[in-house]
C-alpha cells in the first residue's frame, strides 16, 4: 500500500525504512529537506492515491495539533490520519471529532521500540474504528515484530495512547527497581562485581527482561556509571499515568514513587531534606551540616 509519513526523526526515519523493506511505498515529509521526499504536506497528499493513509510522527502537543489541522483541510472523506506520536489520549478524542466531521478517519497508535525498532520491530497499540484500523493494517503488519504478538487494537479512539501511557508508567517503575537494586549492590562491601551480578540475572531468573539486557549493556560501557550525571527527565506519559490513576481512584504506589524519584534527581540540594534536618536538630539536637 501507499503511506504518507509526516516526521522523519529517529523514530519516523527508521519506521519509513522498515515499511519500505516490507514492500510498501512511503512518501515522507519533514521540515528538514535533507530527509524529506516531498517539500510540503500538500505535496505529500497530492502524491498519494485515494483513499489515503497519513501517519503523523511529530512531537506531541502543538506540533501534532497543527499538523492534524492542516491535514484536515487537505484530505478527503474516506482518508485516515494516524497519530503515532506520544499524544495524550484526551487529545485523540478532540482530533478524532474534528476529522470525523469531515469524513476523515482517525487512529491513535502508541508506538514502542525506540532506536531498536528498525531491527526488532515496534510494539503497536492502536485505537479507532474497525474500518479505519483495517485501512492501516498492512502498515501495522510491516512495523510489528515477527510472531503473534506486538500489535493490539485496544479499543475506541484514545485507547491506543492510553495503553501506551500505562506501558510507560510500568516502564518507569521497572527502571526504578533496577536502579535501586544496582545502587544497593554498589554500596555493599560484600559484592565485588556488580556488573556480573546483573549479567547473571539475564538467564533463569524472574526478572530477566530487555530492560535488564540494556542495563548490562550500559554497565559494559561504563561499569560504575561514572560518566553520567544522576539526572533523569520524565516524559508526559508518566505524569499522565498518575493523573489518570487519581481520576479513576486506582492506587499506583510504585509508578507514582518512580515518577517522584525523577523529580528528586533534579535537586542538587534537596529543599525538603533541609527542613527534615532542621526539625531533627530542633526536637532532638541532632547535628546538621552547613554549606
C-alpha atoms as a PDB file:
ATOM      1  CA  UNK A   1       0.000   0.000   0.000  1.00  0.00           C
ATOM      2  CA  UNK A   2       0.912   3.686  -0.060  1.00  0.00           C
ATOM      3  CA  UNK A   3       1.554   5.640   3.120  1.00  0.00           C
ATOM      4  CA  UNK A   4       2.248   9.271   3.807  1.00  0.00           C
ATOM      5  CA  UNK A   5       4.583   9.715   6.766  1.00  0.00           C
ATOM      6  CA  UNK A   6       4.998  13.095   8.446  1.00  0.00           C
ATOM      7  CA  UNK A   7       8.060  13.406  10.698  1.00  0.00           C
ATOM      8  CA  UNK A   8      11.274  11.594   9.815  1.00  0.00           C
ATOM      9  CA  UNK A   9      13.312  11.895  13.010  1.00  0.00           C
ATOM     10  CA  UNK A  10      14.890   8.973  14.871  1.00  0.00           C
ATOM     11  CA  UNK A  11      11.635   7.046  15.072  1.00  0.00           C
ATOM     12  CA  UNK A  12       9.943   8.196  11.882  1.00  0.00           C
ATOM     13  CA  UNK A  13      13.014   7.711   9.702  1.00  0.00           C
ATOM     14  CA  UNK A  14      13.517   4.139  10.873  1.00  0.00           C
ATOM     15  CA  UNK A  15       9.819   3.398  10.518  1.00  0.00           C
ATOM     16  CA  UNK A  16       9.915   4.591   6.893  1.00  0.00           C
ATOM     17  CA  UNK A  17      12.786   2.211   6.207  1.00  0.00           C
ATOM     18  CA  UNK A  18      11.107  -0.789   7.870  1.00  0.00           C
ATOM     19  CA  UNK A  19       7.843  -0.204   5.978  1.00  0.00           C
ATOM     20  CA  UNK A  20       9.706   0.106   2.681  1.00  0.00           C
ATOM     21  CA  UNK A  21      11.582  -3.123   3.374  1.00  0.00           C
ATOM     22  CA  UNK A  22       8.173  -4.812   3.652  1.00  0.00           C
ATOM     23  CA  UNK A  23       7.407  -3.752   0.073  1.00  0.00           C
ATOM     24  CA  UNK A  24       5.164  -0.748   0.663  1.00  0.00           C
ATOM     25  CA  UNK A  25       5.501   2.761  -0.768  1.00  0.00           C
ATOM     26  CA  UNK A  26       6.224   5.511   1.750  1.00  0.00           C
ATOM     27  CA  UNK A  27       6.144   9.200   0.890  1.00  0.00           C
ATOM     28  CA  UNK A  28       7.813  11.123   3.704  1.00  0.00           C
ATOM     29  CA  UNK A  29       7.628  14.776   4.664  1.00  0.00           C
ATOM     30  CA  UNK A  30       9.834  16.518   7.216  1.00  0.00           C
ATOM     31  CA  UNK A  31      10.789  20.126   7.837  1.00  0.00           C
ATOM     32  CA  UNK A  32      14.361  19.005   7.178  1.00  0.00           C
ATOM     33  CA  UNK A  33      14.565  18.878   3.365  1.00  0.00           C
ATOM     34  CA  UNK A  34      17.595  16.584   3.521  1.00  0.00           C
ATOM     35  CA  UNK A  35      15.452  13.658   4.665  1.00  0.00           C
ATOM     36  CA  UNK A  36      12.092  14.538   3.053  1.00  0.00           C
ATOM     37  CA  UNK A  37      10.671  13.005  -0.126  1.00  0.00           C
ATOM     38  CA  UNK A  38       8.378  15.983  -0.778  1.00  0.00           C
ATOM     39  CA  UNK A  39       8.553  19.631   0.203  1.00  0.00           C
ATOM     40  CA  UNK A  40       5.140  20.153   1.831  1.00  0.00           C
ATOM     41  CA  UNK A  41       2.146  18.421   3.340  1.00  0.00           C
ATOM     42  CA  UNK A  42       0.135  19.381   0.282  1.00  0.00           C
ATOM     43  CA  UNK A  43       2.663  17.711  -1.981  1.00  0.00           C
ATOM     44  CA  UNK A  44       2.515  14.609   0.196  1.00  0.00           C
ATOM     45  CA  UNK A  45      -1.272  14.434  -0.024  1.00  0.00           C
ATOM     46  CA  UNK A  46      -1.250  15.099  -3.766  1.00  0.00           C
ATOM     47  CA  UNK A  47       1.228  12.257  -4.322  1.00  0.00           C
ATOM     48  CA  UNK A  48      -0.945   9.623  -2.645  1.00  0.00           C
ATOM     49  CA  UNK A  49      -3.849   7.860  -4.325  1.00  0.00           C
ATOM     50  CA  UNK A  50      -7.196   7.939  -2.520  1.00  0.00           C
ATOM     51  CA  UNK A  51      -8.211   6.629  -0.086  1.00  0.00           C
ATOM     52  CA  UNK A  52      -5.096   7.922   1.636  1.00  0.00           C
ATOM     53  CA  UNK A  53      -3.453   6.986   4.922  1.00  0.00           C
ATOM     54  CA  UNK A  54      -1.197   9.616   6.502  1.00  0.00           C
ATOM     55  CA  UNK A  55       0.816   8.722   9.596  1.00  0.00           C
ATOM     56  CA  UNK A  56       1.930  11.617  11.828  1.00  0.00           C
ATOM     57  CA  UNK A  57       5.165  11.150  13.848  1.00  0.00           C
ATOM     58  CA  UNK A  58       5.865  14.606  15.263  1.00  0.00           C
ATOM     59  CA  UNK A  59       6.185  15.824  18.895  1.00  0.00           C
ATOM     60  CA  UNK A  60       3.014  15.632  20.939  1.00  0.00           C
ATOM     61  CA  UNK A  61       1.038  18.769  21.660  1.00  0.00           C
ATOM     62  CA  UNK A  62       1.102  21.851  19.452  1.00  0.00           C
ATOM     63  CA  UNK A  63       3.128  20.266  16.636  1.00  0.00           C
ATOM     64  CA  UNK A  64       0.750  17.316  16.337  1.00  0.00           C
ATOM     65  CA  UNK A  65      -2.353  19.506  16.596  1.00  0.00           C
ATOM     66  CA  UNK A  66      -1.190  21.918  13.881  1.00  0.00           C
ATOM     67  CA  UNK A  67      -0.252  19.042  11.572  1.00  0.00           C
ATOM     68  CA  UNK A  68      -3.646  17.385  12.001  1.00  0.00           C
ATOM     69  CA  UNK A  69      -5.416  20.718  11.482  1.00  0.00           C
ATOM     70  CA  UNK A  70      -3.566  21.199   8.199  1.00  0.00           C
ATOM     71  CA  UNK A  71      -4.274  17.643   7.079  1.00  0.00           C
ATOM     72  CA  UNK A  72      -7.963  18.135   7.867  1.00  0.00           C
ATOM     73  CA  UNK A  73      -8.062  20.808   5.156  1.00  0.00           C
ATOM     74  CA  UNK A  74      -6.063  18.751   2.636  1.00  0.00           C
ATOM     75  CA  UNK A  75      -7.522  15.260   2.918  1.00  0.00           C
ATOM     76  CA  UNK A  76     -10.826  13.876   1.613  1.00  0.00           C
ATOM     77  CA  UNK A  77     -13.666  11.800   3.069  1.00  0.00           C
ATOM     78  CA  UNK A  78     -12.546   8.189   3.401  1.00  0.00           C
ATOM     79  CA  UNK A  79      -8.928   9.071   4.141  1.00  0.00           C
ATOM     80  CA  UNK A  80      -7.365   8.158   7.504  1.00  0.00           C
ATOM     81  CA  UNK A  81      -4.927  10.002   9.774  1.00  0.00           C
ATOM     82  CA  UNK A  82      -2.801   8.023  12.238  1.00  0.00           C
ATOM     83  CA  UNK A  83      -1.193   9.781  15.192  1.00  0.00           C
ATOM     84  CA  UNK A  84       1.796   7.627  16.145  1.00  0.00           C
ATOM     85  CA  UNK A  85       3.406  10.158  18.484  1.00  0.00           C
ATOM     86  CA  UNK A  86       3.181  10.279  22.260  1.00  0.00           C
ATOM     87  CA  UNK A  87      -0.016  12.314  22.389  1.00  0.00           C
ATOM     88  CA  UNK A  88      -2.266  12.413  25.415  1.00  0.00           C
ATOM     89  CA  UNK A  89      -5.314  10.224  24.903  1.00  0.00           C
ATOM     90  CA  UNK A  90      -7.681  13.100  25.630  1.00  0.00           C
ATOM     91  CA  UNK A  91      -6.207  14.979  22.649  1.00  0.00           C
ATOM     92  CA  UNK A  92      -7.052  11.984  20.452  1.00  0.00           C
ATOM     93  CA  UNK A  93     -10.743  12.373  21.184  1.00  0.00           C
ATOM     94  CA  UNK A  94     -10.657  16.014  20.042  1.00  0.00           C
ATOM     95  CA  UNK A  95      -8.668  15.162  16.909  1.00  0.00           C
ATOM     96  CA  UNK A  96     -10.982  12.285  16.054  1.00  0.00           C
ATOM     97  CA  UNK A  97     -14.034  14.512  16.374  1.00  0.00           C
ATOM     98  CA  UNK A  98     -12.519  17.260  14.209  1.00  0.00           C
ATOM     99  CA  UNK A  99     -11.525  14.860  11.433  1.00  0.00           C
ATOM    100  CA  UNK A 100     -14.752  12.865  11.711  1.00  0.00           C
ATOM    101  CA  UNK A 101     -16.793  15.971  10.933  1.00  0.00           C
ATOM    102  CA  UNK A 102     -15.107  15.956   7.510  1.00  0.00           C
ATOM    103  CA  UNK A 103     -15.498  12.226   6.970  1.00  0.00           C
ATOM    104  CA  UNK A 104     -11.824  11.558   7.655  1.00  0.00           C
ATOM    105  CA  UNK A 105     -10.971   8.592   9.878  1.00  0.00           C
ATOM    106  CA  UNK A 106      -8.597   8.811  12.840  1.00  0.00           C
ATOM    107  CA  UNK A 107      -6.487   6.140  14.512  1.00  0.00           C
ATOM    108  CA  UNK A 108      -4.289   6.786  17.542  1.00  0.00           C
ATOM    109  CA  UNK A 109      -1.301   4.488  17.867  1.00  0.00           C
ATOM    110  CA  UNK A 110       1.110   4.150  20.750  1.00  0.00           C
ATOM    111  CA  UNK A 111       4.480   3.026  19.407  1.00  0.00           C
ATOM    112  CA  UNK A 112       7.219   1.382  21.482  1.00  0.00           C
ATOM    113  CA  UNK A 113      10.588   0.205  20.240  1.00  0.00           C
ATOM    114  CA  UNK A 114      12.793   3.260  20.213  1.00  0.00           C
ATOM    115  CA  UNK A 115      16.042   3.134  18.275  1.00  0.00           C
ATOM    116  CA  UNK A 116      15.845  -0.676  18.116  1.00  0.00           C
ATOM    117  CA  UNK A 117      12.562  -0.725  16.194  1.00  0.00           C
ATOM    118  CA  UNK A 118      14.094  -0.897  12.727  1.00  0.00           C
ATOM    119  CA  UNK A 119      15.821  -4.143  13.613  1.00  0.00           C
ATOM    120  CA  UNK A 120      13.403  -5.699  16.091  1.00  0.00           C
ATOM    121  CA  UNK A 121      10.046  -4.193  15.119  1.00  0.00           C
ATOM    122  CA  UNK A 122       7.716  -1.867  17.005  1.00  0.00           C
ATOM    123  CA  UNK A 123       5.085  -2.757  19.579  1.00  0.00           C
ATOM    124  CA  UNK A 124       1.872  -1.071  18.445  1.00  0.00           C
ATOM    125  CA  UNK A 125      -1.225  -0.208  20.484  1.00  0.00           C
ATOM    126  CA  UNK A 126      -3.981   1.438  18.456  1.00  0.00           C
ATOM    127  CA  UNK A 127      -7.429   2.848  18.983  1.00  0.00           C
ATOM    128  CA  UNK A 128     -10.160   3.692  16.491  1.00  0.00           C
ATOM    129  CA  UNK A 129     -12.968   2.275  14.397  1.00  0.00           C
ATOM    130  CA  UNK A 130     -12.515  -1.212  12.922  1.00  0.00           C
ATOM    131  CA  UNK A 131     -12.843   0.086   9.366  1.00  0.00           C
ATOM    132  CA  UNK A 132     -10.157   2.734   9.863  1.00  0.00           C
ATOM    133  CA  UNK A 133      -7.766   0.317  11.564  1.00  0.00           C
ATOM    134  CA  UNK A 134      -8.243  -2.127   8.674  1.00  0.00           C
ATOM    135  CA  UNK A 135      -7.055   0.504   6.189  1.00  0.00           C
ATOM    136  CA  UNK A 136      -3.790   0.826   8.114  1.00  0.00           C
ATOM    137  CA  UNK A 137      -3.344  -2.890   8.886  1.00  0.00           C
ATOM    138  CA  UNK A 138      -0.710  -3.612   6.197  1.00  0.00           C
ATOM    139  CA  UNK A 139       1.497  -0.919   7.753  1.00  0.00           C
ATOM    140  CA  UNK A 140       0.881  -2.266  11.250  1.00  0.00           C
ATOM    141  CA  UNK A 141       1.897  -5.721   9.996  1.00  0.00           C
ATOM    142  CA  UNK A 142       5.076  -4.285   8.483  1.00  0.00           C
ATOM    143  CA  UNK A 143       6.071  -2.427  11.644  1.00  0.00           C
ATOM    144  CA  UNK A 144       5.263  -5.005  14.321  1.00  0.00           C
ATOM    145  CA  UNK A 145       7.815  -7.586  15.497  1.00  0.00           C
ATOM    146  CA  UNK A 146       7.877 -11.058  13.982  1.00  0.00           C
ATOM    147  CA  UNK A 147       5.458 -13.520  15.576  1.00  0.00           C
ATOM    148  CA  UNK A 148       1.958 -13.448  17.015  1.00  0.00           C
ATOM    149  CA  UNK A 149       2.364 -10.532  19.416  1.00  0.00           C
ATOM    150  CA  UNK A 150       3.311  -6.881  19.303  1.00  0.00           C
ATOM    151  CA  UNK A 151       0.078  -5.416  17.892  1.00  0.00           C
ATOM    152  CA  UNK A 152      -3.268  -4.747  19.546  1.00  0.00           C
ATOM    153  CA  UNK A 153      -6.405  -2.887  18.554  1.00  0.00           C
ATOM    154  CA  UNK A 154      -7.018  -1.766  22.125  1.00  0.00           C
ATOM    155  CA  UNK A 155     -10.421  -0.127  21.650  1.00  0.00           C
ATOM    156  CA  UNK A 156     -12.005   3.096  20.522  1.00  0.00           C
ATOM    157  CA  UNK A 157     -10.227   6.384  19.772  1.00  0.00           C
ATOM    158  CA  UNK A 158      -7.866   7.200  22.636  1.00  0.00           C
ATOM    159  CA  UNK A 159      -7.353   3.572  23.666  1.00  0.00           C
ATOM    160  CA  UNK A 160      -4.018   3.235  21.878  1.00  0.00           C
ATOM    161  CA  UNK A 161      -2.373   6.170  23.577  1.00  0.00           C
ATOM    162  CA  UNK A 162      -3.981   5.290  26.918  1.00  0.00           C
ATOM    163  CA  UNK A 163      -2.444   1.805  26.663  1.00  0.00           C
ATOM    164  CA  UNK A 164       0.946   3.271  25.706  1.00  0.00           C
ATOM    165  CA  UNK A 165       0.705   5.706  28.621  1.00  0.00           C
ATOM    166  CA  UNK A 166       0.201   2.835  31.066  1.00  0.00           C
ATOM    167  CA  UNK A 167       3.022   0.899  29.369  1.00  0.00           C
ATOM    168  CA  UNK A 168       5.367   3.823  30.001  1.00  0.00           C
ATOM    169  CA  UNK A 169       4.205   4.134  33.597  1.00  0.00           C
ATOM    170  CA  UNK A 170       5.092   0.469  34.161  1.00  0.00           C
ATOM    171  CA  UNK A 171       8.422   1.123  32.449  1.00  0.00           C
ATOM    172  CA  UNK A 172       9.120   3.922  34.959  1.00  0.00           C
ATOM    173  CA  UNK A 173       8.604   1.568  37.911  1.00  0.00           C
ATOM    174  CA  UNK A 174      10.665  -1.243  36.380  1.00  0.00           C
ATOM    175  CA  UNK A 175      13.579   1.076  35.645  1.00  0.00           C
ATOM    176  CA  UNK A 176      13.418   2.485  39.163  1.00  0.00           C
ATOM    177  CA  UNK A 177      13.555  -1.022  40.650  1.00  0.00           C
ATOM    178  CA  UNK A 178      16.639  -1.934  38.606  1.00  0.00           C
ATOM    179  CA  UNK A 179      18.236   1.392  39.530  1.00  0.00           C
ATOM    180  CA  UNK A 180      17.635   0.958  43.258  1.00  0.00           C
ATOM    181  CA  UNK A 181      18.904  -2.621  43.195  1.00  0.00           C
ATOM    182  CA  UNK A 182      22.035  -1.535  41.362  1.00  0.00           C
ATOM    183  CA  UNK A 183      22.698   1.263  43.859  1.00  0.00           C
ATOM    184  CA  UNK A 184      22.305  -1.115  46.808  1.00  0.00           C
ATOM    185  CA  UNK A 185      24.714  -3.621  45.260  1.00  0.00           C
ATOM    186  CA  UNK A 186      27.234  -0.858  44.578  1.00  0.00           C
ATOM    187  CA  UNK A 187      27.026   0.235  48.238  1.00  0.00           C
ATOM    188  CA  UNK A 188      27.736  -3.277  49.523  1.00  0.00           C
ATOM    189  CA  UNK A 189      31.222  -4.229  50.765  1.00  0.00           C
ATOM    190  CA  UNK A 190      30.486  -7.892  50.120  1.00  0.00           C
ATOM    191  CA  UNK A 191      29.585  -7.701  46.424  1.00  0.00           C
ATOM    192  CA  UNK A 192      32.724  -7.008  44.398  1.00  0.00           C
ATOM    193  CA  UNK A 193      31.403  -7.343  40.827  1.00  0.00           C
ATOM    194  CA  UNK A 194      28.013  -5.696  40.469  1.00  0.00           C
ATOM    195  CA  UNK A 195      28.062  -5.771  36.685  1.00  0.00           C
ATOM    196  CA  UNK A 196      28.462  -9.553  36.623  1.00  0.00           C
ATOM    197  CA  UNK A 197      25.646  -9.954  39.152  1.00  0.00           C
ATOM    198  CA  UNK A 198      23.382  -8.082  36.739  1.00  0.00           C
ATOM    199  CA  UNK A 199      24.668 -10.218  33.862  1.00  0.00           C
ATOM    200  CA  UNK A 200      23.964 -13.435  35.795  1.00  0.00           C
ATOM    201  CA  UNK A 201      20.317 -12.410  36.087  1.00  0.00           C
ATOM    202  CA  UNK A 202      19.853 -12.438  32.307  1.00  0.00           C
ATOM    203  CA  UNK A 203      19.052 -16.155  32.274  1.00  0.00           C
ATOM    204  CA  UNK A 204      16.940 -18.300  34.570  1.00  0.00           C
ATOM    205  CA  UNK A 205      15.511 -15.502  36.739  1.00  0.00           C
ATOM    206  CA  UNK A 206      12.057 -13.996  37.041  1.00  0.00           C
ATOM    207  CA  UNK A 207      13.440 -10.506  36.329  1.00  0.00           C
ATOM    208  CA  UNK A 208      15.106 -11.360  33.010  1.00  0.00           C
ATOM    209  CA  UNK A 209      13.965  -8.748  30.511  1.00  0.00           C
ATOM    210  CA  UNK A 210      15.014  -6.404  27.741  1.00  0.00           C
ATOM    211  CA  UNK A 211      15.468  -3.648  30.316  1.00  0.00           C
ATOM    212  CA  UNK A 212      17.886  -5.894  32.218  1.00  0.00           C
ATOM    213  CA  UNK A 213      19.759  -6.578  28.972  1.00  0.00           C
ATOM    214  CA  UNK A 214      20.031  -2.834  28.365  1.00  0.00           C
ATOM    215  CA  UNK A 215      21.268  -2.291  31.920  1.00  0.00           C
ATOM    216  CA  UNK A 216      24.062  -4.795  31.303  1.00  0.00           C
ATOM    217  CA  UNK A 217      24.942  -3.028  28.054  1.00  0.00           C
ATOM    218  CA  UNK A 218      25.155   0.268  29.914  1.00  0.00           C
ATOM    219  CA  UNK A 219      27.411  -1.258  32.584  1.00  0.00           C
ATOM    220  CA  UNK A 220      29.620  -2.781  29.890  1.00  0.00           C
ATOM    221  CA  UNK A 221      30.108   0.733  28.506  1.00  0.00           C
ATOM    222  CA  UNK A 222      30.681   2.356  31.925  1.00  0.00           C
ATOM    223  CA  UNK A 223      30.972  -0.194  34.724  1.00  0.00           C
ATOM    224  CA  UNK A 224      30.133   2.147  37.589  1.00  0.00           C
ATOM    225  CA  UNK A 225      28.278   4.767  35.506  1.00  0.00           C
ATOM    226  CA  UNK A 226      30.923   7.291  36.484  1.00  0.00           C
ATOM    227  CA  UNK A 227      30.483   9.176  33.215  1.00  0.00           C
ATOM    228  CA  UNK A 228      26.843  10.005  33.860  1.00  0.00           C
ATOM    229  CA  UNK A 229      25.149  12.638  35.971  1.00  0.00           C
ATOM    230  CA  UNK A 230      22.342  11.400  38.213  1.00  0.00           C
ATOM    231  CA  UNK A 231      19.657  13.377  36.399  1.00  0.00           C
ATOM    232  CA  UNK A 232      16.665  11.834  34.636  1.00  0.00           C
ATOM    233  CA  UNK A 233      13.985  13.624  32.636  1.00  0.00           C
ATOM    234  CA  UNK A 234      10.374  12.475  32.659  1.00  0.00           C
ATOM    235  CA  UNK A 235       8.140  12.299  29.622  1.00  0.00           C
ATOM    236  CA  UNK A 236       4.497  13.300  29.695  1.00  0.00           C
ATOM    237  CA  UNK A 237       3.239   9.734  29.893  1.00  0.00           C
ATOM    238  CA  UNK A 238       4.495   9.173  33.438  1.00  0.00           C
ATOM    239  CA  UNK A 239       2.663  12.220  34.746  1.00  0.00           C
ATOM    240  CA  UNK A 240      -0.440  11.401  32.724  1.00  0.00           C
ATOM    241  CA  UNK A 241      -0.481   7.855  34.137  1.00  0.00           C
ATOM    242  CA  UNK A 242      -0.502   9.166  37.696  1.00  0.00           C
ATOM    243  CA  UNK A 243      -3.147  11.778  36.833  1.00  0.00           C
ATOM    244  CA  UNK A 244      -5.368   9.107  35.247  1.00  0.00           C
ATOM    245  CA  UNK A 245      -4.965   6.939  38.336  1.00  0.00           C
ATOM    246  CA  UNK A 246      -6.136   9.822  40.517  1.00  0.00           C
ATOM    247  CA  UNK A 247      -9.123  10.463  38.239  1.00  0.00           C
ATOM    248  CA  UNK A 248     -10.094   6.762  38.318  1.00  0.00           C
ATOM    249  CA  UNK A 249      -9.198   6.209  42.009  1.00  0.00           C
ATOM    250  CA  UNK A 250      -6.705   3.456  41.130  1.00  0.00           C
ATOM    251  CA  UNK A 251      -3.745   3.094  43.539  1.00  0.00           C
ATOM    252  CA  UNK A 252      -0.358   3.260  41.763  1.00  0.00           C
ATOM    253  CA  UNK A 253       2.202   3.495  44.586  1.00  0.00           C
ATOM    254  CA  UNK A 254       5.185   2.056  42.665  1.00  0.00           C
ATOM    255  CA  UNK A 255       4.652   4.053  39.472  1.00  0.00           C
ATOM    256  CA  UNK A 256       3.966   7.259  41.403  1.00  0.00           C
ATOM    257  CA  UNK A 257       7.094   6.835  43.533  1.00  0.00           C
ATOM    258  CA  UNK A 258       9.215   6.239  40.425  1.00  0.00           C
ATOM    259  CA  UNK A 259       7.950   9.496  38.908  1.00  0.00           C
ATOM    260  CA  UNK A 260       8.753  11.446  42.070  1.00  0.00           C
ATOM    261  CA  UNK A 261      12.208   9.838  42.179  1.00  0.00           C
ATOM    262  CA  UNK A 262      12.938  11.503  38.841  1.00  0.00           C
ATOM    263  CA  UNK A 263      11.942  14.859  40.282  1.00  0.00           C
ATOM    264  CA  UNK A 264      14.392  14.258  43.137  1.00  0.00           C
ATOM    265  CA  UNK A 265      17.171  13.647  40.614  1.00  0.00           C
ATOM    266  CA  UNK A 266      16.991  17.302  39.577  1.00  0.00           C
ATOM    267  CA  UNK A 267      17.784  18.642  43.026  1.00  0.00           C
ATOM    268  CA  UNK A 268      21.429  19.218  43.850  1.00  0.00           C
ATOM    269  CA  UNK A 269      20.446  20.277  47.370  1.00  0.00           C
ATOM    270  CA  UNK A 270      17.034  18.964  48.436  1.00  0.00           C
ATOM    271  CA  UNK A 271      14.864  21.724  49.969  1.00  0.00           C
ATOM    272  CA  UNK A 272      12.660  19.206  51.777  1.00  0.00           C
ATOM    273  CA  UNK A 273      15.691  17.496  53.321  1.00  0.00           C
ATOM    274  CA  UNK A 274      16.795  20.874  54.672  1.00  0.00           C
ATOM    275  CA  UNK A 275      13.544  21.008  56.626  1.00  0.00           C
ATOM    276  CA  UNK A 276      13.961  17.403  57.797  1.00  0.00           C
ATOM    277  CA  UNK A 277      17.485  18.230  59.042  1.00  0.00           C
ATOM    278  CA  UNK A 278      16.218  21.382  60.758  1.00  0.00           C
ATOM    279  CA  UNK A 279      13.397  19.513  62.516  1.00  0.00           C
ATOM    280  CA  UNK A 280      15.726  16.728  63.708  1.00  0.00           C
ATOM    281  CA  UNK A 281      18.005  19.387  65.115  1.00  0.00           C
ATOM    282  CA  UNK A 282      15.115  21.170  66.847  1.00  0.00           C
ATOM    283  CA  UNK A 283      13.465  18.207  68.543  1.00  0.00           C
ATOM    284  CA  UNK A 284      16.485  16.013  69.164  1.00  0.00           C
ATOM    285  CA  UNK A 285      19.524  18.219  68.963  1.00  0.00           C
ATOM    286  CA  UNK A 286      20.809  16.147  66.052  1.00  0.00           C
ATOM    287  CA  UNK A 287      23.754  17.597  64.193  1.00  0.00           C
ATOM    288  CA  UNK A 288      23.200  19.484  60.959  1.00  0.00           C
ATOM    289  CA  UNK A 289      25.622  20.112  58.120  1.00  0.00           C
ATOM    290  CA  UNK A 290      26.205  23.661  56.951  1.00  0.00           C
ATOM    291  CA  UNK A 291      27.177  24.694  53.461  1.00  0.00           C
END
